[in-house]
PDB file of N, CA and C in Angstrom:
ATOM      1  N   UNK A   1     220.867 116.401 175.977  1.00  0.00           N
ATOM      2  CA  UNK A   1     219.968 115.556 175.114  1.00  0.00           C
ATOM      3  C   UNK A   1     218.666 115.108 175.629  1.00  0.00           C
ATOM      4  N   UNK A   2     217.665 114.971 175.093  1.00  0.00           N
ATOM      5  CA  UNK A   2     216.308 114.241 175.379  1.00  0.00           C
ATOM      6  C   UNK A   2     216.768 112.665 175.107  1.00  0.00           C
ATOM      7  N   UNK A   3     216.227 111.645 175.699  1.00  0.00           N
ATOM      8  CA  UNK A   3     216.716 110.611 175.600  1.00  0.00           C
ATOM      9  C   UNK A   3     215.461 110.314 174.439  1.00  0.00           C
ATOM     10  N   UNK A   4     215.849 109.208 173.400  1.00  0.00           N
ATOM     11  CA  UNK A   4     215.096 108.328 172.365  1.00  0.00           C
ATOM     12  C   UNK A   4     215.519 107.216 172.744  1.00  0.00           C
ATOM     13  N   UNK A   5     214.918 106.483 173.415  1.00  0.00           N
ATOM     14  CA  UNK A   5     215.238 104.530 173.350  1.00  0.00           C
ATOM     15  C   UNK A   5     215.129 104.217 172.313  1.00  0.00           C
ATOM     16  N   UNK A   6     215.116 103.151 171.559  1.00  0.00           N
ATOM     17  CA  UNK A   6     214.904 102.516 170.695  1.00  0.00           C
ATOM     18  C   UNK A   6     215.260 102.909 169.104  1.00  0.00           C
ATOM     19  N   UNK A   7     215.099 104.038 168.885  1.00  0.00           N
ATOM     20  CA  UNK A   7     214.946 104.832 168.020  1.00  0.00           C
ATOM     21  C   UNK A   7     215.974 105.446 167.559  1.00  0.00           C
ATOM     22  N   UNK A   8     217.215 105.307 168.503  1.00  0.00           N
ATOM     23  CA  UNK A   8     218.667 105.955 168.055  1.00  0.00           C
ATOM     24  C   UNK A   8     219.255 105.244 167.082  1.00  0.00           C
ATOM     25  N   UNK A   9     219.329 103.808 166.904  1.00  0.00           N
ATOM     26  CA  UNK A   9     220.183 102.702 166.246  1.00  0.00           C
ATOM     27  C   UNK A   9     219.533 102.992 164.409  1.00  0.00           C
ATOM     28  N   UNK A  10     218.076 102.859 164.693  1.00  0.00           N
ATOM     29  CA  UNK A  10     217.349 103.001 163.430  1.00  0.00           C
ATOM     30  C   UNK A  10     217.688 104.380 162.974  1.00  0.00           C
ATOM     31  N   UNK A  11     217.882 105.500 163.401  1.00  0.00           N
ATOM     32  CA  UNK A  11     218.155 106.938 162.783  1.00  0.00           C
ATOM     33  C   UNK A  11     219.449 106.788 162.374  1.00  0.00           C
ATOM     34  N   UNK A  12     220.147 106.138 162.947  1.00  0.00           N
ATOM     35  CA  UNK A  12     221.767 106.487 162.716  1.00  0.00           C
ATOM     36  C   UNK A  12     222.159 105.508 161.408  1.00  0.00           C
ATOM     37  N   UNK A  13     221.279 104.745 161.205  1.00  0.00           N
ATOM     38  CA  UNK A  13     221.373 103.459 159.922  1.00  0.00           C
ATOM     39  C   UNK A  13     220.614 104.339 158.959  1.00  0.00           C
ATOM     40  N   UNK A  14     219.813 105.193 159.148  1.00  0.00           N
ATOM     41  CA  UNK A  14     219.440 106.230 158.109  1.00  0.00           C
ATOM     42  C   UNK A  14     219.744 106.976 157.860  1.00  0.00           C
ATOM     43  N   UNK A  15     220.680 107.599 158.449  1.00  0.00           N
ATOM     44  CA  UNK A  15     221.582 108.908 158.505  1.00  0.00           C
ATOM     45  C   UNK A  15     220.915 110.538 159.304  1.00  0.00           C
ATOM     46  N   UNK A  16     220.322 110.133 160.197  1.00  0.00           N
ATOM     47  CA  UNK A  16     219.731 111.058 160.776  1.00  0.00           C
ATOM     48  C   UNK A  16     220.865 111.557 162.308  1.00  0.00           C
ATOM     49  N   UNK A  17     221.413 112.845 162.629  1.00  0.00           N
ATOM     50  CA  UNK A  17     222.334 112.708 163.669  1.00  0.00           C
ATOM     51  C   UNK A  17     221.273 112.836 164.770  1.00  0.00           C
ATOM     52  N   UNK A  18     222.483 113.173 165.964  1.00  0.00           N
ATOM     53  CA  UNK A  18     221.883 113.317 166.837  1.00  0.00           C
ATOM     54  C   UNK A  18     221.481 114.518 167.384  1.00  0.00           C
ATOM     55  N   UNK A  19     221.256 115.537 166.607  1.00  0.00           N
ATOM     56  CA  UNK A  19     220.746 116.632 166.558  1.00  0.00           C
ATOM     57  C   UNK A  19     219.865 116.250 166.057  1.00  0.00           C
ATOM     58  N   UNK A  20     219.234 115.594 165.040  1.00  0.00           N
ATOM     59  CA  UNK A  20     217.932 115.523 164.307  1.00  0.00           C
ATOM     60  C   UNK A  20     217.415 114.998 165.024  1.00  0.00           C
ATOM     61  N   UNK A  21     217.325 113.951 166.014  1.00  0.00           N
ATOM     62  CA  UNK A  21     217.022 112.857 166.539  1.00  0.00           C
ATOM     63  C   UNK A  21     216.265 114.093 167.861  1.00  0.00           C
ATOM     64  N   UNK A  22     217.378 114.785 168.891  1.00  0.00           N
ATOM     65  CA  UNK A  22     216.668 115.884 169.531  1.00  0.00           C
ATOM     66  C   UNK A  22     215.368 116.514 169.103  1.00  0.00           C
ATOM     67  N   UNK A  23     215.380 117.109 167.820  1.00  0.00           N
ATOM     68  CA  UNK A  23     214.573 118.235 167.560  1.00  0.00           C
ATOM     69  C   UNK A  23     213.383 116.982 167.254  1.00  0.00           C
ATOM     70  N   UNK A  24     213.402 115.757 166.689  1.00  0.00           N
ATOM     71  CA  UNK A  24     212.224 115.115 166.183  1.00  0.00           C
ATOM     72  C   UNK A  24     211.759 114.629 168.111  1.00  0.00           C
ATOM     73  N   UNK A  25     212.789 114.249 168.880  1.00  0.00           N
ATOM     74  CA  UNK A  25     211.962 114.365 170.453  1.00  0.00           C
ATOM     75  C   UNK A  25     211.295 115.559 170.859  1.00  0.00           C
ATOM     76  N   UNK A  26     211.959 116.813 170.851  1.00  0.00           N
ATOM     77  CA  UNK A  26     211.421 117.784 171.487  1.00  0.00           C
ATOM     78  C   UNK A  26     209.969 118.261 170.689  1.00  0.00           C
ATOM     79  N   UNK A  27     209.770 117.904 169.311  1.00  0.00           N
ATOM     80  CA  UNK A  27     208.998 118.113 169.264  1.00  0.00           C
ATOM     81  C   UNK A  27     207.528 117.007 169.500  1.00  0.00           C
ATOM     82  N   UNK A  28     208.106 115.446 169.190  1.00  0.00           N
ATOM     83  CA  UNK A  28     207.197 114.625 170.095  1.00  0.00           C
ATOM     84  C   UNK A  28     206.527 114.899 171.471  1.00  0.00           C
ATOM     85  N   UNK A  29     207.586 115.671 172.247  1.00  0.00           N
ATOM     86  CA  UNK A  29     207.021 115.879 173.623  1.00  0.00           C
ATOM     87  C   UNK A  29     206.514 117.133 174.095  1.00  0.00           C
ATOM     88  N   UNK A  30     206.710 117.438 172.783  1.00  0.00           N
ATOM     89  CA  UNK A  30     206.065 119.458 173.157  1.00  0.00           C
ATOM     90  C   UNK A  30     204.668 119.057 173.193  1.00  0.00           C
ATOM     91  N   UNK A  31     203.617 119.861 174.401  1.00  0.00           N
ATOM     92  CA  UNK A  31     204.038 120.346 174.977  1.00  0.00           C
ATOM     93  C   UNK A  31     203.872 119.249 176.711  1.00  0.00           C
ATOM     94  N   UNK A  32     204.036 118.180 176.438  1.00  0.00           N
ATOM     95  CA  UNK A  32     204.132 117.104 177.725  1.00  0.00           C
ATOM     96  C   UNK A  32     205.141 116.823 178.307  1.00  0.00           C
ATOM     97  N   UNK A  33     205.770 116.009 179.364  1.00  0.00           N
ATOM     98  CA  UNK A  33     206.668 115.701 179.678  1.00  0.00           C
ATOM     99  C   UNK A  33     207.804 116.945 180.358  1.00  0.00           C
ATOM    100  N   UNK A  34     208.527 116.645 180.803  1.00  0.00           N
ATOM    101  CA  UNK A  34     209.281 118.076 181.481  1.00  0.00           C
ATOM    102  C   UNK A  34     209.704 119.000 180.717  1.00  0.00           C
ATOM    103  N   UNK A  35     209.769 118.964 179.498  1.00  0.00           N
ATOM    104  CA  UNK A  35     209.971 120.150 178.871  1.00  0.00           C
ATOM    105  C   UNK A  35     209.220 121.409 178.809  1.00  0.00           C
ATOM    106  N   UNK A  36     207.823 121.024 179.261  1.00  0.00           N
ATOM    107  CA  UNK A  36     206.577 121.856 179.188  1.00  0.00           C
ATOM    108  C   UNK A  36     206.887 122.801 180.172  1.00  0.00           C
ATOM    109  N   UNK A  37     207.511 122.869 181.151  1.00  0.00           N
ATOM    110  CA  UNK A  37     207.959 123.799 182.571  1.00  0.00           C
ATOM    111  C   UNK A  37     208.529 124.984 181.466  1.00  0.00           C
ATOM    112  N   UNK A  38     209.499 124.804 180.272  1.00  0.00           N
ATOM    113  CA  UNK A  38     210.183 125.544 179.767  1.00  0.00           C
ATOM    114  C   UNK A  38     209.144 126.529 178.413  1.00  0.00           C
ATOM    115  N   UNK A  39     209.685 127.182 178.634  1.00  0.00           N
ATOM    116  CA  UNK A  39     209.133 128.577 177.089  1.00  0.00           C
ATOM    117  C   UNK A  39     209.909 127.496 176.064  1.00  0.00           C
ATOM    118  N   UNK A  40     209.190 127.323 174.975  1.00  0.00           N
ATOM    119  CA  UNK A  40     209.793 126.605 173.996  1.00  0.00           C
ATOM    120  C   UNK A  40     211.045 127.007 173.402  1.00  0.00           C
ATOM    121  N   UNK A  41     211.364 127.948 173.367  1.00  0.00           N
ATOM    122  CA  UNK A  41     212.465 129.185 173.024  1.00  0.00           C
ATOM    123  C   UNK A  41     213.523 128.047 173.943  1.00  0.00           C
ATOM    124  N   UNK A  42     213.246 128.299 175.280  1.00  0.00           N
ATOM    125  CA  UNK A  42     214.319 127.970 175.859  1.00  0.00           C
ATOM    126  C   UNK A  42     214.300 126.677 176.432  1.00  0.00           C
ATOM    127  N   UNK A  43     213.310 125.302 175.689  1.00  0.00           N
ATOM    128  CA  UNK A  43     213.557 124.119 175.687  1.00  0.00           C
ATOM    129  C   UNK A  43     214.463 123.967 174.472  1.00  0.00           C
ATOM    130  N   UNK A  44     214.869 124.801 173.294  1.00  0.00           N
ATOM    131  CA  UNK A  44     215.153 124.126 172.392  1.00  0.00           C
ATOM    132  C   UNK A  44     216.436 125.003 172.881  1.00  0.00           C
ATOM    133  N   UNK A  45     216.683 125.902 173.217  1.00  0.00           N
ATOM    134  CA  UNK A  45     218.607 126.229 173.699  1.00  0.00           C
ATOM    135  C   UNK A  45     219.216 124.678 174.601  1.00  0.00           C
ATOM    136  N   UNK A  46     217.990 124.703 175.416  1.00  0.00           N
ATOM    137  CA  UNK A  46     218.561 123.516 176.724  1.00  0.00           C
ATOM    138  C   UNK A  46     218.802 122.052 176.165  1.00  0.00           C
ATOM    139  N   UNK A  47     217.950 121.625 174.988  1.00  0.00           N
ATOM    140  CA  UNK A  47     218.118 120.423 174.754  1.00  0.00           C
ATOM    141  C   UNK A  47     218.171 119.835 173.156  1.00  0.00           C
ATOM    142  N   UNK A  48     218.447 121.041 172.580  1.00  0.00           N
ATOM    143  CA  UNK A  48     218.832 120.887 171.513  1.00  0.00           C
ATOM    144  C   UNK A  48     220.464 121.622 171.289  1.00  0.00           C
ATOM    145  N   UNK A  49     220.631 123.176 171.656  1.00  0.00           N
ATOM    146  CA  UNK A  49     221.541 123.325 171.760  1.00  0.00           C
ATOM    147  C   UNK A  49     221.463 124.412 170.693  1.00  0.00           C
ATOM    148  N   UNK A  50     220.826 125.279 169.962  1.00  0.00           N
ATOM    149  CA  UNK A  50     220.781 126.117 168.836  1.00  0.00           C
ATOM    150  C   UNK A  50     219.580 126.912 169.256  1.00  0.00           C
ATOM    151  N   UNK A  51     219.956 128.260 168.538  1.00  0.00           N
ATOM    152  CA  UNK A  51     218.755 128.925 168.449  1.00  0.00           C
ATOM    153  C   UNK A  51     217.094 129.090 168.272  1.00  0.00           C
ATOM    154  N   UNK A  52     216.208 129.406 168.581  1.00  0.00           N
ATOM    155  CA  UNK A  52     214.693 128.904 167.897  1.00  0.00           C
ATOM    156  C   UNK A  52     214.912 128.679 166.394  1.00  0.00           C
ATOM    157  N   UNK A  53     215.648 129.769 165.539  1.00  0.00           N
ATOM    158  CA  UNK A  53     215.499 129.956 164.271  1.00  0.00           C
ATOM    159  C   UNK A  53     216.126 128.972 163.470  1.00  0.00           C
ATOM    160  N   UNK A  54     217.364 128.296 164.049  1.00  0.00           N
ATOM    161  CA  UNK A  54     217.923 127.804 163.476  1.00  0.00           C
ATOM    162  C   UNK A  54     217.160 126.487 163.462  1.00  0.00           C
ATOM    163  N   UNK A  55     216.441 126.076 164.606  1.00  0.00           N
ATOM    164  CA  UNK A  55     215.734 124.959 165.088  1.00  0.00           C
ATOM    165  C   UNK A  55     214.549 124.775 163.979  1.00  0.00           C
ATOM    166  N   UNK A  56     214.143 126.253 163.625  1.00  0.00           N
ATOM    167  CA  UNK A  56     212.629 125.680 162.916  1.00  0.00           C
ATOM    168  C   UNK A  56     213.351 125.530 161.565  1.00  0.00           C
ATOM    169  N   UNK A  57     214.277 126.201 161.062  1.00  0.00           N
ATOM    170  CA  UNK A  57     214.923 125.624 159.908  1.00  0.00           C
ATOM    171  C   UNK A  57     215.160 124.431 159.830  1.00  0.00           C
ATOM    172  N   UNK A  58     216.058 123.609 160.571  1.00  0.00           N
ATOM    173  CA  UNK A  58     216.051 121.841 160.543  1.00  0.00           C
ATOM    174  C   UNK A  58     215.079 121.471 160.626  1.00  0.00           C
ATOM    175  N   UNK A  59     214.076 121.756 161.122  1.00  0.00           N
ATOM    176  CA  UNK A  59     212.785 121.124 161.931  1.00  0.00           C
ATOM    177  C   UNK A  59     212.030 120.840 159.945  1.00  0.00           C
ATOM    178  N   UNK A  60     211.847 121.747 159.549  1.00  0.00           N
ATOM    179  CA  UNK A  60     211.398 122.196 158.282  1.00  0.00           C
ATOM    180  C   UNK A  60     211.898 120.802 157.140  1.00  0.00           C
ATOM    181  N   UNK A  61     213.178 120.970 157.320  1.00  0.00           N
ATOM    182  CA  UNK A  61     214.334 119.695 156.145  1.00  0.00           C
ATOM    183  C   UNK A  61     213.697 118.408 156.768  1.00  0.00           C
ATOM    184  N   UNK A  62     213.417 118.293 158.646  1.00  0.00           N
ATOM    185  CA  UNK A  62     213.680 117.044 158.889  1.00  0.00           C
ATOM    186  C   UNK A  62     211.939 116.815 158.351  1.00  0.00           C
ATOM    187  N   UNK A  63     210.605 117.541 158.529  1.00  0.00           N
ATOM    188  CA  UNK A  63     209.674 117.182 157.723  1.00  0.00           C
ATOM    189  C   UNK A  63     209.763 116.892 156.861  1.00  0.00           C
ATOM    190  N   UNK A  64     210.443 117.423 155.780  1.00  0.00           N
ATOM    191  CA  UNK A  64     210.317 116.686 154.218  1.00  0.00           C
ATOM    192  C   UNK A  64     211.211 115.597 153.838  1.00  0.00           C
ATOM    193  N   UNK A  65     212.072 115.050 154.981  1.00  0.00           N
ATOM    194  CA  UNK A  65     212.902 114.083 155.013  1.00  0.00           C
ATOM    195  C   UNK A  65     212.290 112.707 154.944  1.00  0.00           C
ATOM    196  N   UNK A  66     212.513 111.652 153.743  1.00  0.00           N
ATOM    197  CA  UNK A  66     211.873 110.418 153.936  1.00  0.00           C
ATOM    198  C   UNK A  66     213.055 109.822 154.722  1.00  0.00           C
ATOM    199  N   UNK A  67     214.009 109.870 155.350  1.00  0.00           N
ATOM    200  CA  UNK A  67     214.702 109.473 156.667  1.00  0.00           C
ATOM    201  C   UNK A  67     213.800 109.519 157.856  1.00  0.00           C
ATOM    202  N   UNK A  68     213.256 111.146 158.136  1.00  0.00           N
ATOM    203  CA  UNK A  68     212.487 111.231 159.596  1.00  0.00           C
ATOM    204  C   UNK A  68     211.256 110.454 159.313  1.00  0.00           C
ATOM    205  N   UNK A  69     210.734 110.218 158.061  1.00  0.00           N
ATOM    206  CA  UNK A  69     209.763 109.622 157.859  1.00  0.00           C
ATOM    207  C   UNK A  69     209.470 108.241 158.391  1.00  0.00           C
ATOM    208  N   UNK A  70     210.648 107.547 157.888  1.00  0.00           N
ATOM    209  CA  UNK A  70     210.990 106.204 158.309  1.00  0.00           C
ATOM    210  C   UNK A  70     211.251 106.021 159.615  1.00  0.00           C
ATOM    211  N   UNK A  71     211.589 106.770 160.529  1.00  0.00           N
ATOM    212  CA  UNK A  71     212.228 106.521 161.959  1.00  0.00           C
ATOM    213  C   UNK A  71     211.076 106.785 162.424  1.00  0.00           C
ATOM    214  N   UNK A  72     210.009 107.984 162.291  1.00  0.00           N
ATOM    215  CA  UNK A  72     208.713 108.543 163.394  1.00  0.00           C
ATOM    216  C   UNK A  72     207.783 108.824 162.479  1.00  0.00           C
ATOM    217  N   UNK A  73     207.445 107.756 161.797  1.00  0.00           N
ATOM    218  CA  UNK A  73     205.976 108.212 160.842  1.00  0.00           C
ATOM    219  C   UNK A  73     204.925 109.118 161.405  1.00  0.00           C
ATOM    220  N   UNK A  74     204.624 108.514 162.799  1.00  0.00           N
ATOM    221  CA  UNK A  74     203.654 109.097 163.155  1.00  0.00           C
ATOM    222  C   UNK A  74     203.648 110.970 163.200  1.00  0.00           C
ATOM    223  N   UNK A  75     204.678 111.250 163.974  1.00  0.00           N
ATOM    224  CA  UNK A  75     205.042 112.612 163.969  1.00  0.00           C
ATOM    225  C   UNK A  75     205.528 113.143 163.002  1.00  0.00           C
ATOM    226  N   UNK A  76     206.162 113.232 162.086  1.00  0.00           N
ATOM    227  CA  UNK A  76     206.183 112.999 160.618  1.00  0.00           C
ATOM    228  C   UNK A  76     204.837 113.698 160.194  1.00  0.00           C
ATOM    229  N   UNK A  77     203.852 113.034 159.944  1.00  0.00           N
ATOM    230  CA  UNK A  77     203.035 113.179 159.354  1.00  0.00           C
ATOM    231  C   UNK A  77     202.026 114.262 160.134  1.00  0.00           C
ATOM    232  N   UNK A  78     201.685 114.042 161.424  1.00  0.00           N
ATOM    233  CA  UNK A  78     201.311 115.022 162.202  1.00  0.00           C
ATOM    234  C   UNK A  78     201.866 116.155 162.078  1.00  0.00           C
ATOM    235  N   UNK A  79     203.142 116.746 161.881  1.00  0.00           N
ATOM    236  CA  UNK A  79     203.913 117.559 161.842  1.00  0.00           C
ATOM    237  C   UNK A  79     203.513 118.287 160.031  1.00  0.00           C
ATOM    238  N   UNK A  80     203.363 117.106 159.364  1.00  0.00           N
ATOM    239  CA  UNK A  80     203.567 117.528 157.662  1.00  0.00           C
ATOM    240  C   UNK A  80     201.745 117.972 157.994  1.00  0.00           C
ATOM    241  N   UNK A  81     200.625 117.648 158.501  1.00  0.00           N
ATOM    242  CA  UNK A  81     199.688 117.914 158.600  1.00  0.00           C
ATOM    243  C   UNK A  81     199.059 119.029 159.122  1.00  0.00           C
ATOM    244  N   UNK A  82     200.387 119.575 160.062  1.00  0.00           N
ATOM    245  CA  UNK A  82     200.294 120.987 160.789  1.00  0.00           C
ATOM    246  C   UNK A  82     200.472 121.587 159.732  1.00  0.00           C
ATOM    247  N   UNK A  83     201.564 121.489 159.308  1.00  0.00           N
ATOM    248  CA  UNK A  83     201.929 122.401 158.175  1.00  0.00           C
ATOM    249  C   UNK A  83     200.924 122.760 156.834  1.00  0.00           C
ATOM    250  N   UNK A  84     200.420 121.730 156.722  1.00  0.00           N
ATOM    251  CA  UNK A  84     199.561 122.085 155.468  1.00  0.00           C
ATOM    252  C   UNK A  84     198.386 122.942 155.845  1.00  0.00           C
ATOM    253  N   UNK A  85     198.308 122.540 157.354  1.00  0.00           N
ATOM    254  CA  UNK A  85     197.059 123.275 157.495  1.00  0.00           C
ATOM    255  C   UNK A  85     196.844 124.856 157.790  1.00  0.00           C
ATOM    256  N   UNK A  86     198.086 125.591 158.438  1.00  0.00           N
ATOM    257  CA  UNK A  86     199.116 126.547 158.379  1.00  0.00           C
ATOM    258  C   UNK A  86     199.137 127.364 157.313  1.00  0.00           C
ATOM    259  N   UNK A  87     199.181 126.421 156.428  1.00  0.00           N
ATOM    260  CA  UNK A  87     199.254 127.175 154.602  1.00  0.00           C
ATOM    261  C   UNK A  87     198.031 127.329 154.371  1.00  0.00           C
ATOM    262  N   UNK A  88     197.098 126.382 154.589  1.00  0.00           N
ATOM    263  CA  UNK A  88     195.836 126.358 153.888  1.00  0.00           C
ATOM    264  C   UNK A  88     195.725 127.541 154.708  1.00  0.00           C
ATOM    265  N   UNK A  89     195.269 127.543 156.004  1.00  0.00           N
ATOM    266  CA  UNK A  89     194.707 128.961 156.694  1.00  0.00           C
ATOM    267  C   UNK A  89     195.283 130.502 156.167  1.00  0.00           C
ATOM    268  N   UNK A  90     196.453 130.335 156.162  1.00  0.00           N
ATOM    269  CA  UNK A  90     197.348 131.706 155.467  1.00  0.00           C
ATOM    270  C   UNK A  90     196.972 131.519 154.362  1.00  0.00           C
ATOM    271  N   UNK A  91     197.038 131.025 153.262  1.00  0.00           N
ATOM    272  CA  UNK A  91     196.460 131.141 151.834  1.00  0.00           C
ATOM    273  C   UNK A  91     194.487 131.646 151.778  1.00  0.00           C
ATOM    274  N   UNK A  92     193.887 130.791 152.442  1.00  0.00           N
ATOM    275  CA  UNK A  92     192.504 130.891 152.328  1.00  0.00           C
ATOM    276  C   UNK A  92     192.290 132.854 153.334  1.00  0.00           C
ATOM    277  N   UNK A  93     193.113 132.612 154.133  1.00  0.00           N
ATOM    278  CA  UNK A  93     192.698 134.048 155.149  1.00  0.00           C
ATOM    279  C   UNK A  93     193.099 135.291 154.376  1.00  0.00           C
ATOM    280  N   UNK A  94     194.353 135.120 153.291  1.00  0.00           N
ATOM    281  CA  UNK A  94     194.729 135.940 152.515  1.00  0.00           C
ATOM    282  C   UNK A  94     193.553 136.526 151.048  1.00  0.00           C
ATOM    283  N   UNK A  95     193.181 135.293 150.788  1.00  0.00           N
ATOM    284  CA  UNK A  95     192.058 135.834 149.666  1.00  0.00           C
ATOM    285  C   UNK A  95     190.749 135.939 150.113  1.00  0.00           C
ATOM    286  N   UNK A  96     190.228 135.776 151.216  1.00  0.00           N
ATOM    287  CA  UNK A  96     189.519 136.328 152.172  1.00  0.00           C
ATOM    288  C   UNK A  96     189.528 137.970 152.072  1.00  0.00           C
ATOM    289  N   UNK A  97     190.406 137.995 152.510  1.00  0.00           N
ATOM    290  CA  UNK A  97     191.045 139.578 152.769  1.00  0.00           C
ATOM    291  C   UNK A  97     191.031 140.548 151.410  1.00  0.00           C
ATOM    292  N   UNK A  98     191.689 139.757 150.625  1.00  0.00           N
ATOM    293  CA  UNK A  98     191.532 140.569 149.274  1.00  0.00           C
ATOM    294  C   UNK A  98     190.017 140.471 148.439  1.00  0.00           C
ATOM    295  N   UNK A  99     189.289 139.921 148.838  1.00  0.00           N
ATOM    296  CA  UNK A  99     187.475 139.977 148.968  1.00  0.00           C
ATOM    297  C   UNK A  99     187.088 140.876 149.491  1.00  0.00           C
ATOM    298  N   UNK A 100     187.427 141.071 150.863  1.00  0.00           N
ATOM    299  CA  UNK A 100     186.830 142.383 151.584  1.00  0.00           C
ATOM    300  C   UNK A 100     187.213 143.785 151.331  1.00  0.00           C
ATOM    301  N   UNK A 101     188.656 143.554 150.559  1.00  0.00           N
ATOM    302  CA  UNK A 101     188.536 145.441 149.937  1.00  0.00           C
ATOM    303  C   UNK A 101     188.278 145.564 148.483  1.00  0.00           C
ATOM    304  N   UNK A 102     187.277 144.639 147.642  1.00  0.00           N
ATOM    305  CA  UNK A 102     187.161 145.312 146.529  1.00  0.00           C
ATOM    306  C   UNK A 102     185.849 145.737 146.895  1.00  0.00           C
TER     307      UNK A 102
END
């Protein structure tokens, strides 16, 4: 597991597991730090210990979690903003496609 100094105690107080912490730590460090030498899938398997699909499902739950927001507000807000941007691009892209087909 990746070390997350100082936040583990606060995370335990709000109910986040060690795996939740590992997921947040990997997102916070990616693509910086020593994990960038691996592909993201390999880093997920090595540091979190699960398949990438499981990782992304659990990450989605964490991004929506008020507990995770309390532990690392900057990371969670950044991930929420990125998710909103992806959804907006998908929505706007599909509306452009439908207008082209008319």
